[in-house]
Every structure is written in C-alpha cells, then in structure tokens.
C-alpha cells in the first residue's frame, strides 16, 4: 500500500473520530476541529535526485537536483521555519515563503535567486545521494509532514514522482 493511500485512510479515520467527538465539545473546540480539517495538505510530490548529465558540480547541474513540495489543498500555507533534510543532516530552512493552494515549489540544490515556484539552497555540493537517500519535510514545530525515499529497494532511476 502506498504512503499516500495510507495517509488518506488515516485521515479518514481521524476525520470520522473528530466528527463523532465534535458533538460533545464546546463550540470553540468544535470550530477548531473544523478549521483543522480545512487546512491544506503539503507533501513531497517529486524528487530529481540524480541531476541529468555528468555530475560536474556546475551550478546548472546542482540546480537540476531538486525536491518538489506541493500544496494540494485550497488554502495557502506559510512555510516559514519549515525544513527539508536528507539522511546526512543537510538541511534547508524555508524563510518567508508562502505556498498557495494547488501550487508547488522546487527546492534546488545550487545557487539562485528565490522566486515563485523556485527556491535555492545555495550549495556548491550535491545533497541528494543518487544510490539511496530520504528527503524529510518538517514543519516549524519540527513535526514530520512527509518523507520520500529512493534507492535499490525503492526503484532508483534518478527521478521519483508520486
């Protein structure tokens, strides 16, 4: 079963429990549950972990290594303080980035000027291991939001899309 299917089943179970519990809660707590249910869903939607062509550490090659984060909900999400990290502890921290509903942002490894849909880690070394690695997205409270792994047991191929 895919992690997306598992998350959807878990969300449905949690939503059902919240709906049952909301009848016994005071109005303010029930309102909070409804707001929580309307929050946007953010996930790692694609990873280009093996930059096409030779790994020559040029800025072009580094920027062709990226992780795409997608908000598939309707409401915008403030990513300020959220982090994206690999298994070795390389961490990118979002600053002043608002991800609108139904939009994506690519986190490129190399140097560049942040703009809508693209942010840059400003690194001069590759981050994502071509053989096997895990990208982990955490919110500003350090709660894990999503994780995407690849490698021998995950299919390989240089690019992973859900």
N, C-alpha and C. Protein backbone atom coordinates (compact mmCIF):
# COMPACT_ATOMS: atom_id res chain seq x y z
N UNK A 1 0.85 -1.17 0.00
CA UNK A 1 0.00 0.00 0.00
C UNK A 1 0.90 1.24 0.00
N UNK A 2 0.61 2.21 -0.83
CA UNK A 2 1.44 3.40 -0.93
C UNK A 2 1.28 4.27 0.30
N UNK A 3 2.29 5.12 0.56
CA UNK A 3 2.22 6.01 1.72
C UNK A 3 1.08 7.00 1.56
N UNK A 4 0.78 7.40 0.33
CA UNK A 4 -0.32 8.33 0.10
C UNK A 4 -1.65 7.68 0.47
N UNK A 5 -1.86 6.42 0.06
CA UNK A 5 -3.09 5.70 0.40
C UNK A 5 -3.19 5.53 1.91
N UNK A 6 -2.08 5.17 2.55
CA UNK A 6 -2.07 5.00 3.99
C UNK A 6 -2.45 6.31 4.68
N UNK A 7 -1.89 7.45 4.21
CA UNK A 7 -2.21 8.75 4.81
C UNK A 7 -3.69 9.08 4.61
N UNK A 8 -4.23 8.75 3.45
CA UNK A 8 -5.65 9.04 3.19
C UNK A 8 -6.55 8.23 4.11
N UNK A 9 -6.22 6.95 4.30
CA UNK A 9 -7.02 6.10 5.20
C UNK A 9 -6.92 6.65 6.62
N UNK A 10 -5.71 7.00 7.06
CA UNK A 10 -5.53 7.54 8.41
C UNK A 10 -6.30 8.84 8.57
N UNK A 11 -6.27 9.69 7.54
CA UNK A 11 -7.00 10.96 7.61
C UNK A 11 -8.51 10.72 7.71
N UNK A 12 -9.01 9.71 6.98
CA UNK A 12 -10.44 9.42 7.02
C UNK A 12 -10.84 8.92 8.41
N UNK A 13 -10.00 8.07 9.01
CA UNK A 13 -10.28 7.56 10.35
C UNK A 13 -10.26 8.70 11.36
N UNK A 14 -9.25 9.58 11.25
CA UNK A 14 -9.16 10.71 12.17
C UNK A 14 -10.34 11.67 11.99
N UNK A 15 -10.72 11.91 10.74
CA UNK A 15 -11.86 12.81 10.47
C UNK A 15 -13.14 12.23 11.06
N UNK A 16 -13.33 10.92 10.93
CA UNK A 16 -14.53 10.29 11.48
C UNK A 16 -14.54 10.42 13.00
N UNK A 17 -13.39 10.21 13.63
CA UNK A 17 -13.30 10.35 15.08
C UNK A 17 -13.55 11.78 15.52
N UNK A 18 -13.02 12.74 14.75
CA UNK A 18 -13.24 14.15 15.08
C UNK A 18 -14.71 14.52 14.95
N UNK A 19 -15.37 13.97 13.93
CA UNK A 19 -16.79 14.28 13.73
C UNK A 19 -17.62 13.72 14.89
N UNK A 20 -17.30 12.53 15.36
CA UNK A 20 -18.02 11.95 16.49
C UNK A 20 -17.76 12.74 17.77
N UNK A 21 -16.51 13.13 17.98
CA UNK A 21 -16.14 13.85 19.18
C UNK A 21 -16.63 15.28 19.19
N UNK A 22 -16.86 15.87 18.03
CA UNK A 22 -17.25 17.27 17.96
C UNK A 22 -18.61 17.53 18.59
N UNK A 23 -19.46 16.54 18.61
CA UNK A 23 -20.79 16.74 19.19
C UNK A 23 -20.72 16.96 20.70
N UNK A 24 -19.67 16.45 21.35
CA UNK A 24 -19.56 16.59 22.79
C UNK A 24 -18.67 17.75 23.20
N UNK A 25 -18.07 18.43 22.23
CA UNK A 25 -17.15 19.51 22.54
C UNK A 25 -17.86 20.85 22.60
N UNK A 26 -17.32 21.79 23.37
CA UNK A 26 -17.86 23.14 23.33
C UNK A 26 -17.71 23.72 21.93
N UNK A 27 -18.47 24.73 21.60
CA UNK A 27 -18.49 25.31 20.26
C UNK A 27 -17.10 25.75 19.81
N UNK A 28 -16.30 26.35 20.68
CA UNK A 28 -14.99 26.83 20.26
C UNK A 28 -14.06 25.68 19.89
N UNK A 29 -14.10 24.57 20.61
CA UNK A 29 -13.26 23.42 20.27
C UNK A 29 -13.74 22.78 18.97
N UNK A 30 -15.04 22.68 18.76
CA UNK A 30 -15.57 22.11 17.53
C UNK A 30 -15.19 22.98 16.34
N UNK A 31 -15.22 24.30 16.51
CA UNK A 31 -14.81 25.21 15.43
C UNK A 31 -13.34 24.97 15.08
N UNK A 32 -12.51 24.75 16.09
CA UNK A 32 -11.09 24.48 15.85
C UNK A 32 -10.89 23.21 15.06
N UNK A 33 -11.67 22.17 15.35
CA UNK A 33 -11.58 20.92 14.60
C UNK A 33 -11.95 21.14 13.14
N UNK A 34 -12.98 21.94 12.90
CA UNK A 34 -13.38 22.21 11.51
C UNK A 34 -12.29 22.99 10.78
N UNK A 35 -11.64 23.93 11.46
CA UNK A 35 -10.55 24.67 10.83
C UNK A 35 -9.39 23.73 10.52
N UNK A 36 -9.10 22.83 11.44
CA UNK A 36 -8.03 21.86 11.21
C UNK A 36 -8.33 21.01 9.98
N UNK A 37 -9.57 20.57 9.82
CA UNK A 37 -9.95 19.72 8.69
C UNK A 37 -9.83 20.47 7.36
N UNK A 38 -9.97 21.80 7.39
CA UNK A 38 -9.88 22.59 6.16
C UNK A 38 -8.45 22.98 5.80
N UNK A 39 -7.49 22.68 6.65
CA UNK A 39 -6.10 23.05 6.37
C UNK A 39 -5.61 22.37 5.11
N UNK A 40 -4.66 23.02 4.47
CA UNK A 40 -4.10 22.48 3.24
C UNK A 40 -3.20 21.28 3.53
N UNK A 41 -3.01 20.46 2.53
CA UNK A 41 -2.18 19.27 2.63
C UNK A 41 -0.90 19.49 1.84
N UNK A 42 0.24 19.47 2.50
CA UNK A 42 1.53 19.70 1.87
C UNK A 42 2.30 18.39 1.86
N UNK A 43 2.95 18.10 0.73
CA UNK A 43 3.71 16.86 0.61
C UNK A 43 4.87 17.01 -0.36
N UNK A 44 5.80 16.06 -0.27
CA UNK A 44 6.87 15.95 -1.26
C UNK A 44 6.26 15.25 -2.45
N UNK A 45 6.18 15.94 -3.59
CA UNK A 45 5.48 15.39 -4.75
C UNK A 45 6.42 14.81 -5.80
N UNK A 46 7.68 15.26 -5.83
CA UNK A 46 8.63 14.74 -6.81
C UNK A 46 10.05 15.04 -6.33
N UNK A 47 10.99 14.18 -6.75
CA UNK A 47 12.40 14.38 -6.41
C UNK A 47 13.24 14.09 -7.65
N UNK A 48 14.11 15.02 -8.00
CA UNK A 48 15.11 14.80 -9.06
C UNK A 48 16.44 14.71 -8.31
N UNK A 49 16.78 13.48 -7.88
CA UNK A 49 17.96 13.29 -7.03
C UNK A 49 19.22 13.05 -7.82
N UNK A 50 19.12 12.69 -9.09
CA UNK A 50 20.28 12.47 -9.93
C UNK A 50 20.20 13.46 -11.09
N UNK A 51 20.94 14.53 -10.97
CA UNK A 51 20.94 15.57 -11.98
C UNK A 51 21.28 14.97 -13.35
N UNK A 52 20.49 15.27 -14.38
CA UNK A 52 20.78 14.72 -15.72
C UNK A 52 22.18 15.13 -16.20
N UNK A 53 22.83 14.24 -16.93
CA UNK A 53 24.18 14.53 -17.45
C UNK A 53 25.24 14.19 -16.43
N UNK A 54 26.43 14.73 -16.68
CA UNK A 54 27.57 14.48 -15.80
C UNK A 54 27.43 15.23 -14.49
N UNK A 55 27.83 14.60 -13.41
CA UNK A 55 27.86 15.28 -12.11
C UNK A 55 29.17 16.08 -12.03
N UNK A 56 29.14 17.31 -12.56
CA UNK A 56 30.35 18.12 -12.61
C UNK A 56 30.34 19.26 -11.59
N UNK A 57 29.36 19.30 -10.73
CA UNK A 57 29.19 20.30 -9.68
C UNK A 57 29.06 21.72 -10.22
N UNK A 58 28.70 21.86 -11.49
CA UNK A 58 28.41 23.19 -12.01
C UNK A 58 27.09 23.65 -11.39
N UNK A 59 26.87 24.96 -11.35
CA UNK A 59 25.63 25.46 -10.77
C UNK A 59 24.43 24.92 -11.54
N UNK A 60 24.56 24.80 -12.85
CA UNK A 60 23.46 24.25 -13.67
C UNK A 60 23.13 22.82 -13.24
N UNK A 61 24.18 22.02 -13.08
CA UNK A 61 23.97 20.63 -12.66
C UNK A 61 23.39 20.56 -11.25
N UNK A 62 23.91 21.38 -10.33
CA UNK A 62 23.40 21.39 -8.97
C UNK A 62 21.93 21.79 -8.93
N UNK A 63 21.53 22.73 -9.78
CA UNK A 63 20.13 23.19 -9.78
C UNK A 63 19.19 22.23 -10.49
N UNK A 64 19.76 21.26 -11.22
CA UNK A 64 18.93 20.21 -11.81
C UNK A 64 18.71 19.06 -10.83
N UNK A 65 19.18 19.22 -9.62
CA UNK A 65 18.88 18.33 -8.50
C UNK A 65 17.91 19.12 -7.61
N UNK A 66 16.71 18.58 -7.40
CA UNK A 66 15.69 19.33 -6.67
C UNK A 66 14.68 18.41 -6.01
N UNK A 67 13.95 18.99 -5.06
CA UNK A 67 12.80 18.32 -4.43
C UNK A 67 11.62 19.26 -4.61
N UNK A 68 10.50 18.70 -5.06
CA UNK A 68 9.30 19.49 -5.27
C UNK A 68 8.32 19.28 -4.11
N UNK A 69 7.87 20.38 -3.54
CA UNK A 69 6.90 20.38 -2.45
C UNK A 69 5.59 20.92 -3.00
N UNK A 70 4.49 20.20 -2.80
CA UNK A 70 3.19 20.59 -3.35
C UNK A 70 2.16 20.77 -2.25
N UNK A 71 1.38 21.82 -2.38
CA UNK A 71 0.23 22.05 -1.52
C UNK A 71 -0.99 21.67 -2.33
N UNK A 72 -1.59 20.51 -2.07
CA UNK A 72 -2.74 20.09 -2.87
C UNK A 72 -4.07 20.49 -2.23
N UNK A 73 -4.00 21.34 -1.22
CA UNK A 73 -5.20 21.90 -0.61
C UNK A 73 -5.55 23.24 -1.24
N UNK A 74 -6.65 23.82 -0.78
CA UNK A 74 -7.11 25.11 -1.32
C UNK A 74 -6.46 26.30 -0.64
N UNK A 75 -6.12 26.17 0.62
CA UNK A 75 -5.59 27.30 1.39
C UNK A 75 -4.07 27.37 1.31
N UNK A 76 -3.55 28.60 1.32
CA UNK A 76 -2.11 28.81 1.33
C UNK A 76 -1.52 28.35 2.67
N UNK A 77 -0.24 27.96 2.62
CA UNK A 77 0.47 27.53 3.82
C UNK A 77 1.74 28.35 3.94
N UNK A 78 1.98 28.91 5.12
CA UNK A 78 3.20 29.65 5.39
C UNK A 78 4.29 28.64 5.74
N UNK A 79 5.32 28.52 4.89
CA UNK A 79 6.38 27.54 5.11
C UNK A 79 7.54 28.10 5.93
N UNK A 80 7.42 29.32 6.43
CA UNK A 80 8.48 29.95 7.21
C UNK A 80 8.87 29.04 8.38
N UNK A 81 10.14 28.66 8.43
CA UNK A 81 10.63 27.79 9.50
C UNK A 81 10.54 26.31 9.20
N UNK A 82 9.88 25.92 8.11
CA UNK A 82 9.82 24.51 7.72
C UNK A 82 11.20 24.09 7.22
N UNK A 83 11.52 22.80 7.33
CA UNK A 83 12.81 22.30 6.88
C UNK A 83 12.68 21.12 5.94
N UNK A 84 13.66 20.99 5.08
CA UNK A 84 13.80 19.84 4.18
C UNK A 84 15.20 19.31 4.40
N UNK A 85 15.32 18.02 4.75
CA UNK A 85 16.63 17.48 5.06
C UNK A 85 16.84 16.11 4.44
N UNK A 86 18.12 15.71 4.35
CA UNK A 86 18.47 14.39 3.85
C UNK A 86 18.95 13.52 5.02
N UNK A 87 19.33 12.29 4.72
CA UNK A 87 19.77 11.35 5.76
C UNK A 87 21.06 11.79 6.43
N UNK A 88 21.89 12.57 5.74
CA UNK A 88 23.16 13.02 6.30
C UNK A 88 23.04 14.30 7.13
N UNK A 89 21.83 14.84 7.23
CA UNK A 89 21.63 16.02 8.05
C UNK A 89 21.74 17.34 7.31
N UNK A 90 21.95 17.31 5.98
CA UNK A 90 21.93 18.57 5.22
C UNK A 90 20.50 19.10 5.31
N UNK A 91 20.36 20.34 5.75
CA UNK A 91 19.02 20.89 6.00
C UNK A 91 18.85 22.24 5.32
N UNK A 92 17.73 22.38 4.63
CA UNK A 92 17.33 23.66 4.06
C UNK A 92 16.15 24.17 4.89
N UNK A 93 16.19 25.43 5.30
CA UNK A 93 15.11 26.03 6.07
C UNK A 93 14.42 27.09 5.22
N UNK A 94 13.12 26.95 5.07
CA UNK A 94 12.33 27.94 4.33
C UNK A 94 12.26 29.23 5.14
N UNK A 95 12.44 30.36 4.48
CA UNK A 95 12.25 31.66 5.12
C UNK A 95 11.34 32.50 4.25
N UNK A 96 10.31 33.01 4.86
CA UNK A 96 9.37 33.94 4.19
C UNK A 96 8.84 33.36 2.88
N UNK A 97 8.38 32.12 2.91
CA UNK A 97 7.81 31.53 1.70
C UNK A 97 6.38 31.06 1.99
N UNK A 98 5.46 31.54 1.19
CA UNK A 98 4.05 31.18 1.31
C UNK A 98 3.69 30.34 0.09
N UNK A 99 3.26 29.11 0.32
CA UNK A 99 2.89 28.20 -0.76
C UNK A 99 1.37 28.22 -0.92
N UNK A 100 0.93 28.78 -2.03
CA UNK A 100 -0.50 28.90 -2.29
C UNK A 100 -1.13 27.53 -2.51
N UNK A 101 -2.46 27.49 -2.40
CA UNK A 101 -3.19 26.26 -2.64
C UNK A 101 -3.00 25.78 -4.07
N UNK A 102 -2.89 24.48 -4.24
CA UNK A 102 -2.73 23.84 -5.55
C UNK A 102 -1.49 24.32 -6.29
N UNK A 103 -0.43 24.68 -5.55
CA UNK A 103 0.82 25.09 -6.18
C UNK A 103 1.98 24.29 -5.61
N UNK A 104 3.09 24.37 -6.32
CA UNK A 104 4.31 23.65 -5.93
C UNK A 104 5.49 24.60 -5.90
N UNK A 105 6.52 24.20 -5.16
CA UNK A 105 7.79 24.92 -5.14
C UNK A 105 8.89 23.87 -5.26
N UNK A 106 9.89 24.17 -6.10
CA UNK A 106 11.05 23.30 -6.22
C UNK A 106 12.18 23.86 -5.40
N UNK A 107 12.77 23.01 -4.58
CA UNK A 107 13.92 23.38 -3.76
C UNK A 107 15.16 22.87 -4.48
N UNK A 108 15.87 23.77 -5.16
CA UNK A 108 17.06 23.44 -5.94
C UNK A 108 18.28 23.42 -5.02
N UNK A 109 19.26 22.59 -5.35
CA UNK A 109 20.45 22.47 -4.52
C UNK A 109 21.41 23.63 -4.70
N UNK A 110 21.61 24.11 -5.92
CA UNK A 110 22.62 25.12 -6.20
C UNK A 110 22.22 26.53 -5.82
N UNK A 111 22.95 27.49 -6.42
CA UNK A 111 22.73 28.90 -6.13
C UNK A 111 21.72 29.49 -7.10
N UNK A 112 20.97 30.45 -6.62
CA UNK A 112 20.00 31.13 -7.47
C UNK A 112 19.22 32.16 -6.68
N UNK A 113 18.37 32.85 -7.37
CA UNK A 113 17.53 33.88 -6.75
C UNK A 113 16.13 33.30 -6.53
N UNK A 114 15.71 33.25 -5.27
CA UNK A 114 14.39 32.70 -4.94
C UNK A 114 13.31 33.49 -5.66
N UNK A 115 12.32 32.77 -6.18
CA UNK A 115 11.17 33.38 -6.83
C UNK A 115 10.00 32.41 -6.69
N UNK A 116 8.84 32.83 -7.13
CA UNK A 116 7.66 31.98 -7.04
C UNK A 116 7.93 30.64 -7.71
N UNK A 117 7.72 29.57 -6.98
CA UNK A 117 7.88 28.22 -7.52
C UNK A 117 9.29 27.66 -7.47
N UNK A 118 10.28 28.49 -7.08
CA UNK A 118 11.67 28.03 -7.04
C UNK A 118 12.42 28.70 -5.90
N UNK A 119 13.05 27.88 -5.05
CA UNK A 119 13.95 28.39 -4.02
C UNK A 119 15.26 27.63 -4.15
N UNK A 120 16.34 28.22 -3.62
CA UNK A 120 17.68 27.68 -3.82
C UNK A 120 18.39 27.53 -2.48
N UNK A 121 19.07 26.37 -2.32
CA UNK A 121 19.81 26.10 -1.09
C UNK A 121 21.16 26.82 -1.07
N UNK A 122 21.61 27.28 -2.23
CA UNK A 122 22.90 27.99 -2.37
C UNK A 122 24.08 27.12 -1.93
N UNK A 123 24.04 25.86 -2.33
CA UNK A 123 25.13 24.92 -2.01
C UNK A 123 26.03 24.73 -3.22
N UNK A 124 27.25 24.29 -2.96
CA UNK A 124 28.21 24.02 -4.03
C UNK A 124 28.57 22.53 -4.10
N UNK A 125 27.79 21.73 -3.38
CA UNK A 125 27.94 20.27 -3.38
C UNK A 125 26.56 19.66 -3.54
N UNK A 126 26.49 18.47 -4.12
CA UNK A 126 25.22 17.77 -4.23
C UNK A 126 24.73 17.37 -2.84
N UNK A 127 23.43 17.35 -2.66
CA UNK A 127 22.84 16.96 -1.38
C UNK A 127 22.28 15.55 -1.45
N UNK A 128 21.51 15.25 -2.47
CA UNK A 128 20.76 14.00 -2.55
C UNK A 128 21.62 12.90 -3.15
N UNK A 129 21.74 11.80 -2.42
CA UNK A 129 22.54 10.66 -2.86
C UNK A 129 21.83 9.96 -4.02
N UNK A 130 22.55 9.69 -5.09
CA UNK A 130 21.97 9.05 -6.27
C UNK A 130 21.57 7.59 -6.02
N UNK A 131 22.27 6.92 -5.12
CA UNK A 131 22.00 5.50 -4.87
C UNK A 131 20.84 5.27 -3.92
N UNK A 132 20.81 6.03 -2.84
CA UNK A 132 19.79 5.82 -1.82
C UNK A 132 19.79 7.00 -0.85
N UNK A 133 18.62 7.53 -0.57
CA UNK A 133 18.52 8.66 0.36
C UNK A 133 17.05 8.83 0.76
N UNK A 134 16.81 9.73 1.68
CA UNK A 134 15.46 10.06 2.12
C UNK A 134 15.36 11.57 2.29
N UNK A 135 14.35 12.16 1.68
CA UNK A 135 14.05 13.58 1.87
C UNK A 135 12.95 13.65 2.92
N UNK A 136 13.16 14.48 3.95
CA UNK A 136 12.18 14.62 5.03
C UNK A 136 11.77 16.08 5.14
N UNK A 137 10.46 16.31 5.11
CA UNK A 137 9.88 17.64 5.25
C UNK A 137 9.28 17.76 6.64
N UNK A 138 9.69 18.81 7.39
CA UNK A 138 9.17 19.05 8.74
C UNK A 138 8.62 20.46 8.81
N UNK A 139 7.57 20.64 9.62
CA UNK A 139 7.00 21.97 9.78
C UNK A 139 7.79 22.76 10.83
N UNK A 140 7.35 23.99 11.11
CA UNK A 140 8.06 24.86 12.04
C UNK A 140 8.00 24.38 13.49
N UNK A 141 7.21 23.38 13.78
CA UNK A 141 7.19 22.75 15.11
C UNK A 141 8.00 21.46 15.13
N UNK A 142 8.75 21.22 14.06
CA UNK A 142 9.60 20.03 13.89
C UNK A 142 8.80 18.74 13.76
N UNK A 143 7.52 18.83 13.44
CA UNK A 143 6.71 17.63 13.18
C UNK A 143 6.94 17.18 11.74
N UNK A 144 7.13 15.88 11.56
CA UNK A 144 7.34 15.36 10.21
C UNK A 144 6.04 15.46 9.43
N UNK A 145 6.12 16.10 8.27
CA UNK A 145 4.98 16.28 7.39
C UNK A 145 4.97 15.20 6.31
N UNK A 146 6.15 14.92 5.75
CA UNK A 146 6.24 13.91 4.70
C UNK A 146 7.69 13.44 4.61
N UNK A 147 7.84 12.26 4.00
CA UNK A 147 9.16 11.68 3.78
C UNK A 147 9.11 10.91 2.47
N UNK A 148 10.14 11.04 1.68
CA UNK A 148 10.22 10.31 0.41
C UNK A 148 11.59 9.66 0.31
N UNK A 149 11.62 8.35 0.07
CA UNK A 149 12.87 7.59 -0.01
C UNK A 149 13.04 7.00 -1.40
N UNK A 150 14.30 6.75 -1.77
CA UNK A 150 14.59 6.10 -3.04
C UNK A 150 15.86 5.29 -2.87
N UNK A 151 16.12 4.44 -3.83
CA UNK A 151 17.31 3.60 -3.82
C UNK A 151 16.98 2.23 -4.36
N UNK A 152 17.86 1.31 -4.10
CA UNK A 152 17.70 -0.05 -4.64
C UNK A 152 16.33 -0.63 -4.31
N UNK A 153 15.90 -0.48 -3.08
CA UNK A 153 14.62 -1.07 -2.68
C UNK A 153 13.43 -0.18 -3.05
N UNK A 154 13.71 1.01 -3.60
CA UNK A 154 12.65 1.96 -3.94
C UNK A 154 12.55 2.21 -5.44
N UNK A 155 13.26 1.48 -6.27
CA UNK A 155 13.10 1.62 -7.71
C UNK A 155 14.20 2.36 -8.43
N UNK A 156 14.91 3.29 -7.78
CA UNK A 156 16.00 4.02 -8.42
C UNK A 156 15.54 4.81 -9.63
N UNK A 157 16.48 5.20 -10.49
CA UNK A 157 16.13 5.85 -11.75
C UNK A 157 16.42 7.33 -11.83
N UNK A 158 16.83 7.99 -10.78
CA UNK A 158 17.22 9.39 -10.85
C UNK A 158 16.10 10.38 -10.61
N UNK A 159 14.87 9.94 -10.79
CA UNK A 159 13.73 10.85 -10.60
C UNK A 159 12.60 10.06 -9.97
N UNK A 160 11.98 10.64 -8.99
CA UNK A 160 10.88 9.95 -8.33
C UNK A 160 9.69 10.89 -8.26
N UNK A 161 8.55 10.45 -8.75
CA UNK A 161 7.32 11.23 -8.69
C UNK A 161 6.23 10.33 -8.13
N UNK A 162 5.42 10.91 -7.28
CA UNK A 162 4.32 10.16 -6.69
C UNK A 162 3.22 9.95 -7.68
